[in-house]
Amino acid sequence: NPKNTAYLQMTNLKPEDTAVYSCAAQRVLVFDSEVVCDP
């Protein structure tokens, strides 16, 4: 958070991982609320 950066570390990559990868942000009011991974 201090660097305003998120990461995705990917290991053991497979051909089926081929894609365009995008990051996205969801405004959330509660700091510790659980995330729902719905685009």
Full PDB file with SEQRES, HELIX, SHEET, SSBOND, CRYST1, ORIGX, SCALE, CONECT and MASTER records, all heavy atoms in Angstrom:
SEQRES   1 A   39  ASN PRO LYS ASN THR ALA TYR LEU GLN MET THR ASN LEU          
SEQRES   2 A   39  LYS PRO GLU ASP THR ALA VAL TYR SER CYS ALA ALA GLN          
SEQRES   3 A   39  ARG VAL LEU VAL PHE ASP SER GLU VAL VAL CYS ASP PRO          
HELIX    1 AA1 PRO A   15  ASP A   17  5                                   3    
CRYST1    1.000    1.000    1.000  90.00  90.00  90.00 P 1           1          
ORIGX1      1.000000  0.000000  0.000000        0.00000                         
ORIGX2      0.000000  1.000000  0.000000        0.00000                         
ORIGX3      0.000000  0.000000  1.000000        0.00000                         
SCALE1      1.000000  0.000000  0.000000        0.00000                         
SCALE2      0.000000  1.000000  0.000000        0.00000                         
SCALE3      0.000000  0.000000  1.000000        0.00000                         
ATOM      1  N   ASN A   1       0.806  -1.224   0.000  1.00  0.00           N  
ATOM      2  CA  ASN A   1       0.000   0.000   0.000  1.00  0.00           C  
ATOM      3  C   ASN A   1       0.842   1.277   0.000  1.00  0.00           C  
ATOM      4  O   ASN A   1       0.509   2.211  -0.734  1.00  0.00           O  
ATOM      5  CB  ASN A   1      -0.983  -0.021   1.159  1.00  0.00           C  
ATOM      6  CG  ASN A   1      -2.152  -0.978   0.919  1.00  0.00           C  
ATOM      7  OD1 ASN A   1      -2.448  -1.338  -0.217  1.00  0.00           O  
ATOM      8  ND2 ASN A   1      -2.798  -1.401   1.992  1.00  0.00           N  
ATOM      9  N   PRO A   2       1.914   1.362   0.802  1.00  0.00           N  
ATOM     10  CA  PRO A   2       2.715   2.603   0.738  1.00  0.00           C  
ATOM     11  C   PRO A   2       3.289   2.877  -0.648  1.00  0.00           C  
ATOM     12  O   PRO A   2       3.524   4.037  -1.000  1.00  0.00           O  
ATOM     13  CB  PRO A   2       3.824   2.343   1.754  1.00  0.00           C  
ATOM     14  CG  PRO A   2       3.225   1.389   2.721  1.00  0.00           C  
ATOM     15  CD  PRO A   2       2.373   0.487   1.865  1.00  0.00           C  
ATOM     16  N   LYS A   3       3.517   1.821  -1.427  1.00  0.00           N  
ATOM     17  CA  LYS A   3       4.037   1.999  -2.779  1.00  0.00           C  
ATOM     18  C   LYS A   3       2.939   2.089  -3.824  1.00  0.00           C  
ATOM     19  O   LYS A   3       3.227   2.186  -5.023  1.00  0.00           O  
ATOM     20  CB  LYS A   3       4.985   0.843  -3.139  1.00  0.00           C  
ATOM     21  CG  LYS A   3       6.282   0.828  -2.342  1.00  0.00           C  
ATOM     22  CD  LYS A   3       7.212  -0.266  -2.824  1.00  0.00           C  
ATOM     23  CE  LYS A   3       8.531  -0.238  -2.077  1.00  0.00           C  
ATOM     24  NZ  LYS A   3       9.460  -1.310  -2.535  1.00  0.00           N  
ATOM     25  N   ASN A   4       1.668   1.997  -3.361  1.00  0.00           N  
ATOM     26  CA  ASN A   4       0.536   2.065  -4.296  1.00  0.00           C  
ATOM     27  C   ASN A   4       0.653   1.018  -5.399  1.00  0.00           C  
ATOM     28  O   ASN A   4       0.310   1.279  -6.563  1.00  0.00           O  
ATOM     29  CB  ASN A   4       0.429   3.462  -4.924  1.00  0.00           C  
ATOM     30  CG  ASN A   4      -0.670   4.290  -4.322  1.00  0.00           C  
ATOM     31  OD1 ASN A   4      -1.208   3.966  -3.263  1.00  0.00           O  
ATOM     32  ND2 ASN A   4      -1.024   5.366  -4.984  1.00  0.00           N  
ATOM     33  N   THR A   5       1.103  -0.157  -5.028  1.00  0.00           N  
ATOM     34  CA  THR A   5       1.379  -1.197  -6.017  1.00  0.00           C  
ATOM     35  C   THR A   5       0.835  -2.542  -5.558  1.00  0.00           C  
ATOM     36  O   THR A   5       0.906  -2.879  -4.375  1.00  0.00           O  
ATOM     37  CB  THR A   5       2.896  -1.318  -6.267  1.00  0.00           C  
ATOM     38  OG1 THR A   5       3.412  -0.058  -6.685  1.00  0.00           O  
ATOM     39  CG2 THR A   5       3.187  -2.349  -7.358  1.00  0.00           C  
ATOM     40  N   ALA A   6       0.309  -3.288  -6.509  1.00  0.00           N  
ATOM     41  CA  ALA A   6      -0.106  -4.667  -6.273  1.00  0.00           C  
ATOM     42  C   ALA A   6       0.687  -5.573  -7.213  1.00  0.00           C  
ATOM     43  O   ALA A   6       1.163  -5.126  -8.265  1.00  0.00           O  
ATOM     44  CB  ALA A   6      -1.597  -4.832  -6.519  1.00  0.00           C  
ATOM     45  N   TYR A   7       0.801  -6.830  -6.800  1.00  0.00           N  
ATOM     46  CA  TYR A   7       1.621  -7.766  -7.562  1.00  0.00           C  
ATOM     47  C   TYR A   7       0.874  -9.073  -7.784  1.00  0.00           C  
ATOM     48  O   TYR A   7      -0.001  -9.448  -7.008  1.00  0.00           O  
ATOM     49  CB  TYR A   7       2.918  -8.071  -6.802  1.00  0.00           C  
ATOM     50  CG  TYR A   7       3.733  -6.861  -6.447  1.00  0.00           C  
ATOM     51  CD1 TYR A   7       3.609  -6.264  -5.195  1.00  0.00           C  
ATOM     52  CD2 TYR A   7       4.634  -6.306  -7.350  1.00  0.00           C  
ATOM     53  CE1 TYR A   7       4.347  -5.147  -4.848  1.00  0.00           C  
ATOM     54  CE2 TYR A   7       5.378  -5.180  -7.020  1.00  0.00           C  
ATOM     55  CZ  TYR A   7       5.230  -4.614  -5.766  1.00  0.00           C  
ATOM     56  OH  TYR A   7       5.976  -3.503  -5.439  1.00  0.00           O  
ATOM     57  N   LEU A   8       1.282  -9.752  -8.839  1.00  0.00           N  
ATOM     58  CA  LEU A   8       0.828 -11.119  -9.050  1.00  0.00           C  
ATOM     59  C   LEU A   8       2.057 -11.941  -9.394  1.00  0.00           C  
ATOM     60  O   LEU A   8       2.637 -11.788 -10.480  1.00  0.00           O  
ATOM     61  CB  LEU A   8      -0.199 -11.211 -10.179  1.00  0.00           C  
ATOM     62  CG  LEU A   8      -0.770 -12.610 -10.393  1.00  0.00           C  
ATOM     63  CD1 LEU A   8      -1.635 -13.027  -9.192  1.00  0.00           C  
ATOM     64  CD2 LEU A   8      -1.581 -12.687 -11.685  1.00  0.00           C  
ATOM     65  N   GLN A   9       2.471 -12.778  -8.448  1.00  0.00           N  
ATOM     66  CA  GLN A   9       3.600 -13.668  -8.676  1.00  0.00           C  
ATOM     67  C   GLN A   9       3.075 -14.955  -9.269  1.00  0.00           C  
ATOM     68  O   GLN A   9       2.198 -15.609  -8.694  1.00  0.00           O  
ATOM     69  CB  GLN A   9       4.335 -13.947  -7.377  1.00  0.00           C  
ATOM     70  CG  GLN A   9       5.566 -14.821  -7.554  1.00  0.00           C  
ATOM     71  CD  GLN A   9       6.352 -14.987  -6.263  1.00  0.00           C  
ATOM     72  OE1 GLN A   9       5.966 -14.476  -5.220  1.00  0.00           O  
ATOM     73  NE2 GLN A   9       7.452 -15.708  -6.328  1.00  0.00           N  
ATOM     74  N   MET A  10       3.607 -15.332 -10.407  1.00  0.00           N  
ATOM     75  CA  MET A  10       3.140 -16.510 -11.131  1.00  0.00           C  
ATOM     76  C   MET A  10       4.292 -17.499 -11.290  1.00  0.00           C  
ATOM     77  O   MET A  10       5.354 -17.135 -11.808  1.00  0.00           O  
ATOM     78  CB  MET A  10       2.587 -16.111 -12.501  1.00  0.00           C  
ATOM     79  CG  MET A  10       1.507 -15.036 -12.432  1.00  0.00           C  
ATOM     80  SD  MET A  10       0.739 -14.700 -14.024  1.00  0.00           S  
ATOM     81  CE  MET A  10       2.114 -13.991 -14.894  1.00  0.00           C  
ATOM     82  N   THR A  11       4.072 -18.709 -10.859  1.00  0.00           N  
ATOM     83  CA  THR A  11       5.087 -19.753 -10.987  1.00  0.00           C  
ATOM     84  C   THR A  11       4.496 -20.959 -11.704  1.00  0.00           C  
ATOM     85  O   THR A  11       3.273 -21.086 -11.841  1.00  0.00           O  
ATOM     86  CB  THR A  11       5.609 -20.184  -9.609  1.00  0.00           C  
ATOM     87  OG1 THR A  11       4.536 -20.742  -8.852  1.00  0.00           O  
ATOM     88  CG2 THR A  11       6.198 -19.013  -8.855  1.00  0.00           C  
ATOM     89  N   ASN A  12       5.382 -21.845 -12.154  1.00  0.00           N  
ATOM     90  CA  ASN A  12       4.962 -23.057 -12.851  1.00  0.00           C  
ATOM     91  C   ASN A  12       3.918 -22.740 -13.925  1.00  0.00           C  
ATOM     92  O   ASN A  12       2.854 -23.371 -13.992  1.00  0.00           O  
ATOM     93  CB  ASN A  12       4.406 -24.079 -11.854  1.00  0.00           C  
ATOM     94  CG  ASN A  12       4.196 -25.447 -12.469  1.00  0.00           C  
ATOM     95  OD1 ASN A  12       4.811 -25.795 -13.477  1.00  0.00           O  
ATOM     96  ND2 ASN A  12       3.307 -26.232 -11.870  1.00  0.00           N  
ATOM     97  N   LEU A  13       4.238 -21.792 -14.755  1.00  0.00           N  
ATOM     98  CA  LEU A  13       3.291 -21.337 -15.773  1.00  0.00           C  
ATOM     99  C   LEU A  13       3.022 -22.433 -16.792  1.00  0.00           C  
ATOM    100  O   LEU A  13       3.908 -23.221 -17.153  1.00  0.00           O  
ATOM    101  CB  LEU A  13       3.807 -20.078 -16.449  1.00  0.00           C  
ATOM    102  CG  LEU A  13       3.644 -18.810 -15.615  1.00  0.00           C  
ATOM    103  CD1 LEU A  13       4.563 -17.704 -16.103  1.00  0.00           C  
ATOM    104  CD2 LEU A  13       2.197 -18.352 -15.635  1.00  0.00           C  
ATOM    105  N   LYS A  14       1.786 -22.451 -17.262  1.00  0.00           N  
ATOM    106  CA  LYS A  14       1.324 -23.448 -18.222  1.00  0.00           C  
ATOM    107  C   LYS A  14       0.811 -22.747 -19.475  1.00  0.00           C  
ATOM    108  O   LYS A  14       0.410 -21.582 -19.419  1.00  0.00           O  
ATOM    109  CB  LYS A  14       0.199 -24.273 -17.600  1.00  0.00           C  
ATOM    110  CG  LYS A  14       0.565 -24.943 -16.284  1.00  0.00           C  
ATOM    111  CD  LYS A  14      -0.632 -25.648 -15.673  1.00  0.00           C  
ATOM    112  CE  LYS A  14      -0.255 -26.303 -14.354  1.00  0.00           C  
ATOM    113  NZ  LYS A  14      -1.402 -27.014 -13.737  1.00  0.00           N  
ATOM    114  N   PRO A  15       0.797 -23.448 -20.607  1.00  0.00           N  
ATOM    115  CA  PRO A  15       0.286 -22.821 -21.835  1.00  0.00           C  
ATOM    116  C   PRO A  15      -1.124 -22.253 -21.668  1.00  0.00           C  
ATOM    117  O   PRO A  15      -1.447 -21.218 -22.266  1.00  0.00           O  
ATOM    118  CB  PRO A  15       0.317 -23.964 -22.846  1.00  0.00           C  
ATOM    119  CG  PRO A  15       1.431 -24.835 -22.377  1.00  0.00           C  
ATOM    120  CD  PRO A  15       1.375 -24.774 -20.877  1.00  0.00           C  
ATOM    121  N   GLU A  16      -1.930 -22.891 -20.851  1.00  0.00           N  
ATOM    122  CA  GLU A  16      -3.303 -22.404 -20.659  1.00  0.00           C  
ATOM    123  C   GLU A  16      -3.357 -21.124 -19.836  1.00  0.00           C  
ATOM    124  O   GLU A  16      -4.436 -20.526 -19.689  1.00  0.00           O  
ATOM    125  CB  GLU A  16      -4.181 -23.478 -20.008  1.00  0.00           C  
ATOM    126  CG  GLU A  16      -3.615 -24.098 -18.746  1.00  0.00           C  
ATOM    127  CD  GLU A  16      -2.875 -25.393 -19.017  1.00  0.00           C  
ATOM    128  OE1 GLU A  16      -2.138 -25.472 -20.034  1.00  0.00           O  
ATOM    129  OE2 GLU A  16      -3.025 -26.332 -18.193  1.00  0.00           O  
ATOM    130  N   ASP A  17      -2.237 -20.672 -19.307  1.00  0.00           N  
ATOM    131  CA  ASP A  17      -2.192 -19.387 -18.616  1.00  0.00           C  
ATOM    132  C   ASP A  17      -2.015 -18.227 -19.586  1.00  0.00           C  
ATOM    133  O   ASP A  17      -2.074 -17.059 -19.181  1.00  0.00           O  
ATOM    134  CB  ASP A  17      -1.037 -19.358 -17.605  1.00  0.00           C  
ATOM    135  CG  ASP A  17      -1.231 -20.333 -16.464  1.00  0.00           C  
ATOM    136  OD1 ASP A  17      -2.365 -20.456 -15.967  1.00  0.00           O  
ATOM    137  OD2 ASP A  17      -0.227 -20.967 -16.063  1.00  0.00           O  
ATOM    138  N   THR A  18      -1.796 -18.533 -20.856  1.00  0.00           N  
ATOM    139  CA  THR A  18      -1.634 -17.489 -21.857  1.00  0.00           C  
ATOM    140  C   THR A  18      -2.885 -16.626 -21.930  1.00  0.00           C  
ATOM    141  O   THR A  18      -3.994 -17.132 -22.121  1.00  0.00           O  
ATOM    142  CB  THR A  18      -1.346 -18.111 -23.233  1.00  0.00           C  
ATOM    143  OG1 THR A  18      -0.087 -18.788 -23.180  1.00  0.00           O  
ATOM    144  CG2 THR A  18      -1.309 -17.040 -24.315  1.00  0.00           C  
ATOM    145  N   ALA A  19      -2.713 -15.314 -21.763  1.00  0.00           N  
ATOM    146  CA  ALA A  19      -3.850 -14.396 -21.741  1.00  0.00           C  
ATOM    147  C   ALA A  19      -3.340 -12.971 -21.563  1.00  0.00           C  
ATOM    148  O   ALA A  19      -2.160 -12.754 -21.284  1.00  0.00           O  
ATOM    149  CB  ALA A  19      -4.802 -14.739 -20.598  1.00  0.00           C  
ATOM    150  N   VAL A  20      -4.248 -12.036 -21.714  1.00  0.00           N  
ATOM    151  CA  VAL A  20      -3.994 -10.658 -21.298  1.00  0.00           C  
ATOM    152  C   VAL A  20      -4.425 -10.545 -19.839  1.00  0.00           C  
ATOM    153  O   VAL A  20      -5.565 -10.862 -19.503  1.00  0.00           O  
ATOM    154  CB  VAL A  20      -4.770  -9.652 -22.163  1.00  0.00           C  
ATOM    155  CG1 VAL A  20      -4.579  -8.237 -21.629  1.00  0.00           C  
ATOM    156  CG2 VAL A  20      -4.302  -9.733 -23.616  1.00  0.00           C  
ATOM    157  N   TYR A  21      -3.502 -10.104 -19.008  1.00  0.00           N  
ATOM    158  CA  TYR A  21      -3.753  -9.979 -17.573  1.00  0.00           C  
ATOM    159  C   TYR A  21      -3.981  -8.510 -17.232  1.00  0.00           C  
ATOM    160  O   TYR A  21      -3.163  -7.650 -17.585  1.00  0.00           O  
ATOM    161  CB  TYR A  21      -2.576 -10.522 -16.783  1.00  0.00           C  
ATOM    162  CG  TYR A  21      -2.511 -12.024 -16.781  1.00  0.00           C  
ATOM    163  CD1 TYR A  21      -2.183 -12.728 -17.935  1.00  0.00           C  
ATOM    164  CD2 TYR A  21      -2.798 -12.758 -15.634  1.00  0.00           C  
ATOM    165  CE1 TYR A  21      -2.144 -14.117 -17.945  1.00  0.00           C  
ATOM    166  CE2 TYR A  21      -2.750 -14.146 -15.632  1.00  0.00           C  
ATOM    167  CZ  TYR A  21      -2.432 -14.815 -16.798  1.00  0.00           C  
ATOM    168  OH  TYR A  21      -2.398 -16.188 -16.797  1.00  0.00           O  
ATOM    169  N   SER A  22      -5.075  -8.262 -16.526  1.00  0.00           N  
ATOM    170  CA  SER A  22      -5.418  -6.899 -16.134  1.00  0.00           C  
ATOM    171  C   SER A  22      -5.612  -6.833 -14.629  1.00  0.00           C  
ATOM    172  O   SER A  22      -6.128  -7.778 -14.026  1.00  0.00           O  
ATOM    173  CB  SER A  22      -6.703  -6.458 -16.821  1.00  0.00           C  
ATOM    174  OG  SER A  22      -6.592  -6.495 -18.227  1.00  0.00           O  
ATOM    175  N   CYS A  23      -5.200  -5.709 -14.059  1.00  0.00           N  
ATOM    176  CA  CYS A  23      -5.540  -5.480 -12.663  1.00  0.00           C  
ATOM    177  C   CYS A  23      -6.717  -4.511 -12.601  1.00  0.00           C  
ATOM    178  O   CYS A  23      -6.947  -3.724 -13.526  1.00  0.00           O  
ATOM    179  CB  CYS A  23      -4.347  -4.952 -11.867  1.00  0.00           C  
ATOM    180  SG  CYS A  23      -3.784  -3.312 -12.331  1.00  0.00           S  
ATOM    181  N   ALA A  24      -7.447  -4.592 -11.519  1.00  0.00           N  
ATOM    182  CA  ALA A  24      -8.622  -3.759 -11.342  1.00  0.00           C  
ATOM    183  C   ALA A  24      -8.777  -3.415  -9.873  1.00  0.00           C  
ATOM    184  O   ALA A  24      -8.279  -4.126  -8.995  1.00  0.00           O  
ATOM    185  CB  ALA A  24      -9.871  -4.479 -11.854  1.00  0.00           C  
ATOM    186  N   ALA A  25      -9.459  -2.314  -9.621  1.00  0.00           N  
ATOM    187  CA  ALA A  25      -9.646  -1.838  -8.252  1.00  0.00           C  
ATOM    188  C   ALA A  25     -11.119  -1.652  -7.956  1.00  0.00           C  
ATOM    189  O   ALA A  25     -11.903  -1.243  -8.814  1.00  0.00           O  
ATOM    190  CB  ALA A  25      -8.904  -0.522  -8.059  1.00  0.00           C  
ATOM    191  N   GLN A  26     -11.469  -1.977  -6.715  1.00  0.00           N  
ATOM    192  CA  GLN A  26     -12.842  -1.874  -6.231  1.00  0.00           C  
ATOM    193  C   GLN A  26     -12.831  -1.015  -4.971  1.00  0.00           C  
ATOM    194  O   GLN A  26     -12.169  -1.377  -3.991  1.00  0.00           O  
ATOM    195  CB  GLN A  26     -13.375  -3.273  -5.919  1.00  0.00           C  
ATOM    196  CG  GLN A  26     -14.732  -3.304  -5.277  1.00  0.00           C  
ATOM    197  CD  GLN A  26     -15.102  -4.686  -4.757  1.00  0.00           C  
ATOM    198  OE1 GLN A  26     -15.998  -4.849  -3.949  1.00  0.00           O  
ATOM    199  NE2 GLN A  26     -14.421  -5.717  -5.226  1.00  0.00           N  
ATOM    200  N   ARG A  27     -13.577   0.087  -4.995  1.00  0.00           N  
ATOM    201  CA  ARG A  27     -13.650   0.935  -3.819  1.00  0.00           C  
ATOM    202  C   ARG A  27     -14.398   0.216  -2.710  1.00  0.00           C  
ATOM    203  O   ARG A  27     -15.521  -0.250  -2.902  1.00  0.00           O  
ATOM    204  CB  ARG A  27     -14.352   2.244  -4.157  1.00  0.00           C  
ATOM    205  CG  ARG A  27     -14.435   3.243  -3.004  1.00  0.00           C  
ATOM    206  CD  ARG A  27     -13.093   3.842  -2.700  1.00  0.00           C  
ATOM    207  NE  ARG A  27     -13.218   4.921  -1.706  1.00  0.00           N  
ATOM    208  CZ  ARG A  27     -13.051   4.735  -0.405  1.00  0.00           C  
ATOM    209  NH1 ARG A  27     -12.747   3.536   0.064  1.00  0.00           N  
ATOM    210  NH2 ARG A  27     -13.174   5.761   0.417  1.00  0.00           N  
ATOM    211  N   VAL A  28     -13.759   0.107  -1.551  1.00  0.00           N  
ATOM    212  CA  VAL A  28     -14.352  -0.606  -0.420  1.00  0.00           C  
ATOM    213  C   VAL A  28     -14.217   0.270   0.822  1.00  0.00           C  
ATOM    214  O   VAL A  28     -13.138   0.807   1.086  1.00  0.00           O  
ATOM    215  CB  VAL A  28     -13.638  -1.958  -0.196  1.00  0.00           C  
ATOM    216  CG1 VAL A  28     -14.201  -2.663   1.025  1.00  0.00           C  
ATOM    217  CG2 VAL A  28     -13.759  -2.838  -1.436  1.00  0.00           C  
ATOM    218  N   LEU A  29     -15.286   0.398   1.583  1.00  0.00           N  
ATOM    219  CA  LEU A  29     -15.263   1.280   2.741  1.00  0.00           C  
ATOM    220  C   LEU A  29     -14.595   0.655   3.968  1.00  0.00           C  
ATOM    221  O   LEU A  29     -13.887   1.337   4.711  1.00  0.00           O  
ATOM    222  CB  LEU A  29     -16.687   1.709   3.097  1.00  0.00           C  
ATOM    223  CG  LEU A  29     -17.413   2.556   2.038  1.00  0.00           C  
ATOM    224  CD1 LEU A  29     -18.817   2.912   2.525  1.00  0.00           C  
ATOM    225  CD2 LEU A  29     -16.627   3.816   1.726  1.00  0.00           C  
ATOM    226  N   VAL A  30     -14.788  -0.650   4.147  1.00  0.00           N  
ATOM    227  CA  VAL A  30     -14.275  -1.321   5.342  1.00  0.00           C  
ATOM    228  C   VAL A  30     -12.908  -1.920   5.048  1.00  0.00           C  
ATOM    229  O   VAL A  30     -12.752  -2.724   4.122  1.00  0.00           O  
ATOM    230  CB  VAL A  30     -15.250  -2.408   5.826  1.00  0.00           C  
ATOM    231  CG1 VAL A  30     -14.694  -3.113   7.059  1.00  0.00           C  
ATOM    232  CG2 VAL A  30     -16.618  -1.806   6.100  1.00  0.00           C  
ATOM    233  N   PHE A  31     -11.918  -1.581   5.856  1.00  0.00           N  
ATOM    234  CA  PHE A  31     -10.540  -1.959   5.589  1.00  0.00           C  
ATOM    235  C   PHE A  31     -10.325  -3.469   5.589  1.00  0.00           C  
ATOM    236  O   PHE A  31      -9.570  -3.996   4.776  1.00  0.00           O  
ATOM    237  CB  PHE A  31      -9.630  -1.295   6.628  1.00  0.00           C  
ATOM    238  CG  PHE A  31      -8.156  -1.435   6.350  1.00  0.00           C  
ATOM    239  CD1 PHE A  31      -7.602  -0.866   5.218  1.00  0.00           C  
ATOM    240  CD2 PHE A  31      -7.328  -2.120   7.228  1.00  0.00           C  
ATOM    241  CE1 PHE A  31      -6.248  -0.975   4.951  1.00  0.00           C  
ATOM    242  CE2 PHE A  31      -5.965  -2.234   6.972  1.00  0.00           C  
ATOM    243  CZ  PHE A  31      -5.429  -1.655   5.834  1.00  0.00           C  
ATOM    244  N   ASP A  32     -11.002  -4.169   6.502  1.00  0.00           N  
ATOM    245  CA  ASP A  32     -10.752  -5.604   6.629  1.00  0.00           C  
ATOM    246  C   ASP A  32     -11.854  -6.478   6.034  1.00  0.00           C  
ATOM    247  O   ASP A  32     -11.854  -7.687   6.266  1.00  0.00           O  
ATOM    248  CB  ASP A  32     -10.584  -5.970   8.109  1.00  0.00           C  
ATOM    249  CG  ASP A  32      -9.239  -5.518   8.646  1.00  0.00           C  
ATOM    250  OD1 ASP A  32      -8.284  -5.465   7.855  1.00  0.00           O  
ATOM    251  OD2 ASP A  32      -9.145  -5.230   9.855  1.00  0.00           O  
ATOM    252  N   SER A  33     -12.772  -5.882   5.303  1.00  0.00           N  
ATOM    253  CA  SER A  33     -13.850  -6.706   4.738  1.00  0.00           C  
ATOM    254  C   SER A  33     -13.289  -7.667   3.701  1.00  0.00           C  
ATOM    255  O   SER A  33     -12.289  -7.373   3.024  1.00  0.00           O  
ATOM    256  CB  SER A  33     -14.923  -5.818   4.120  1.00  0.00           C  
ATOM    257  OG  SER A  33     -14.385  -5.083   3.033  1.00  0.00           O  
ATOM    258  N   GLU A  34     -13.924  -8.807   3.571  1.00  0.00           N  
ATOM    259  CA  GLU A  34     -13.471  -9.798   2.613  1.00  0.00           C  
ATOM    260  C   GLU A  34     -13.755  -9.342   1.182  1.00  0.00           C  
ATOM    261  O   GLU A  34     -14.705  -8.637   0.923  1.00  0.00           O  
ATOM    262  CB  GLU A  34     -14.147 -11.144   2.890  1.00  0.00           C  
ATOM    263  CG  GLU A  34     -13.739 -11.749   4.222  1.00  0.00           C  
ATOM    264  CD  GLU A  34     -14.281 -13.147   4.429  1.00  0.00           C  
ATOM    265  OE1 GLU A  34     -15.124 -13.591   3.635  1.00  0.00           O  
ATOM    266  OE2 GLU A  34     -13.832 -13.805   5.401  1.00  0.00           O  
ATOM    267  N   VAL A  35     -12.908  -9.789   0.281  1.00  0.00           N  
ATOM    268  CA  VAL A  35     -13.050  -9.411  -1.122  1.00  0.00           C  
ATOM    269  C   VAL A  35     -13.849 -10.472  -1.869  1.00  0.00           C  
ATOM    270  O   VAL A  35     -13.742 -11.662  -1.573  1.00  0.00           O  
ATOM    271  CB  VAL A  35     -11.664  -9.208  -1.772  1.00  0.00           C  
ATOM    272  CG1 VAL A  35     -10.862 -10.511  -1.779  1.00  0.00           C  
ATOM    273  CG2 VAL A  35     -11.793  -8.617  -3.163  1.00  0.00           C  
ATOM    274  N   VAL A  36     -14.652 -10.020  -2.813  1.00  0.00           N  
ATOM    275  CA  VAL A  36     -15.369 -10.906  -3.732  1.00  0.00           C  
ATOM    276  C   VAL A  36     -14.778 -10.695  -5.112  1.00  0.00           C  
ATOM    277  O   VAL A  36     -14.771  -9.582  -5.635  1.00  0.00           O  
ATOM    278  CB  VAL A  36     -16.878 -10.596  -3.740  1.00  0.00           C  
ATOM    279  CG1 VAL A  36     -17.595 -11.497  -4.751  1.00  0.00           C  
ATOM    280  CG2 VAL A  36     -17.465 -10.785  -2.351  1.00  0.00           C  
ATOM    281  N   CYS A  37     -14.279 -11.769  -5.693  1.00  0.00           N  
ATOM    282  CA  CYS A  37     -13.520 -11.651  -6.943  1.00  0.00           C  
ATOM    283  C   CYS A  37     -14.450 -11.723  -8.154  1.00  0.00           C  
ATOM    284  O   CYS A  37     -14.304 -12.588  -9.006  1.00  0.00           O  
ATOM    285  CB  CYS A  37     -12.458 -12.746  -6.990  1.00  0.00           C  
ATOM    286  SG  CYS A  37     -10.988 -12.305  -7.954  1.00  0.00           S  
ATOM    287  N   ASP A  38     -15.355 -10.776  -8.213  1.00  0.00           N  
ATOM    288  CA  ASP A  38     -16.340 -10.685  -9.296  1.00  0.00           C  
ATOM    289  C   ASP A  38     -16.007  -9.442 -10.108  1.00  0.00           C  
ATOM    290  O   ASP A  38     -16.052  -8.329  -9.571  1.00  0.00           O  
ATOM    291  CB  ASP A  38     -17.736 -10.586  -8.690  1.00  0.00           C  
ATOM    292  CG  ASP A  38     -18.818 -10.421  -9.733  1.00  0.00           C  
ATOM    293  OD1 ASP A  38     -18.495 -10.201 -10.916  1.00  0.00           O  
ATOM    294  OD2 ASP A  38     -20.001 -10.523  -9.362  1.00  0.00           O  
ATOM    295  N   PRO A  39     -15.668  -9.600 -11.398  1.00  0.00           N  
ATOM    296  CA  PRO A  39     -15.245  -8.433 -12.181  1.00  0.00           C  
ATOM    297  C   PRO A  39     -16.278  -7.310 -12.223  1.00  0.00           C  
ATOM    298  O   PRO A  39     -15.907  -6.137 -12.372  1.00  0.00           O  
ATOM    299  CB  PRO A  39     -14.974  -9.007 -13.576  1.00  0.00           C  
ATOM    300  CG  PRO A  39     -15.628 -10.337 -13.608  1.00  0.00           C  
ATOM    301  CD  PRO A  39     -15.652 -10.831 -12.207  1.00  0.00           C  
TER     302      PRO A  39                                                      
MASTER        0    0    0    1    0    0    0    6  301    1    0    3          
END                                                                             
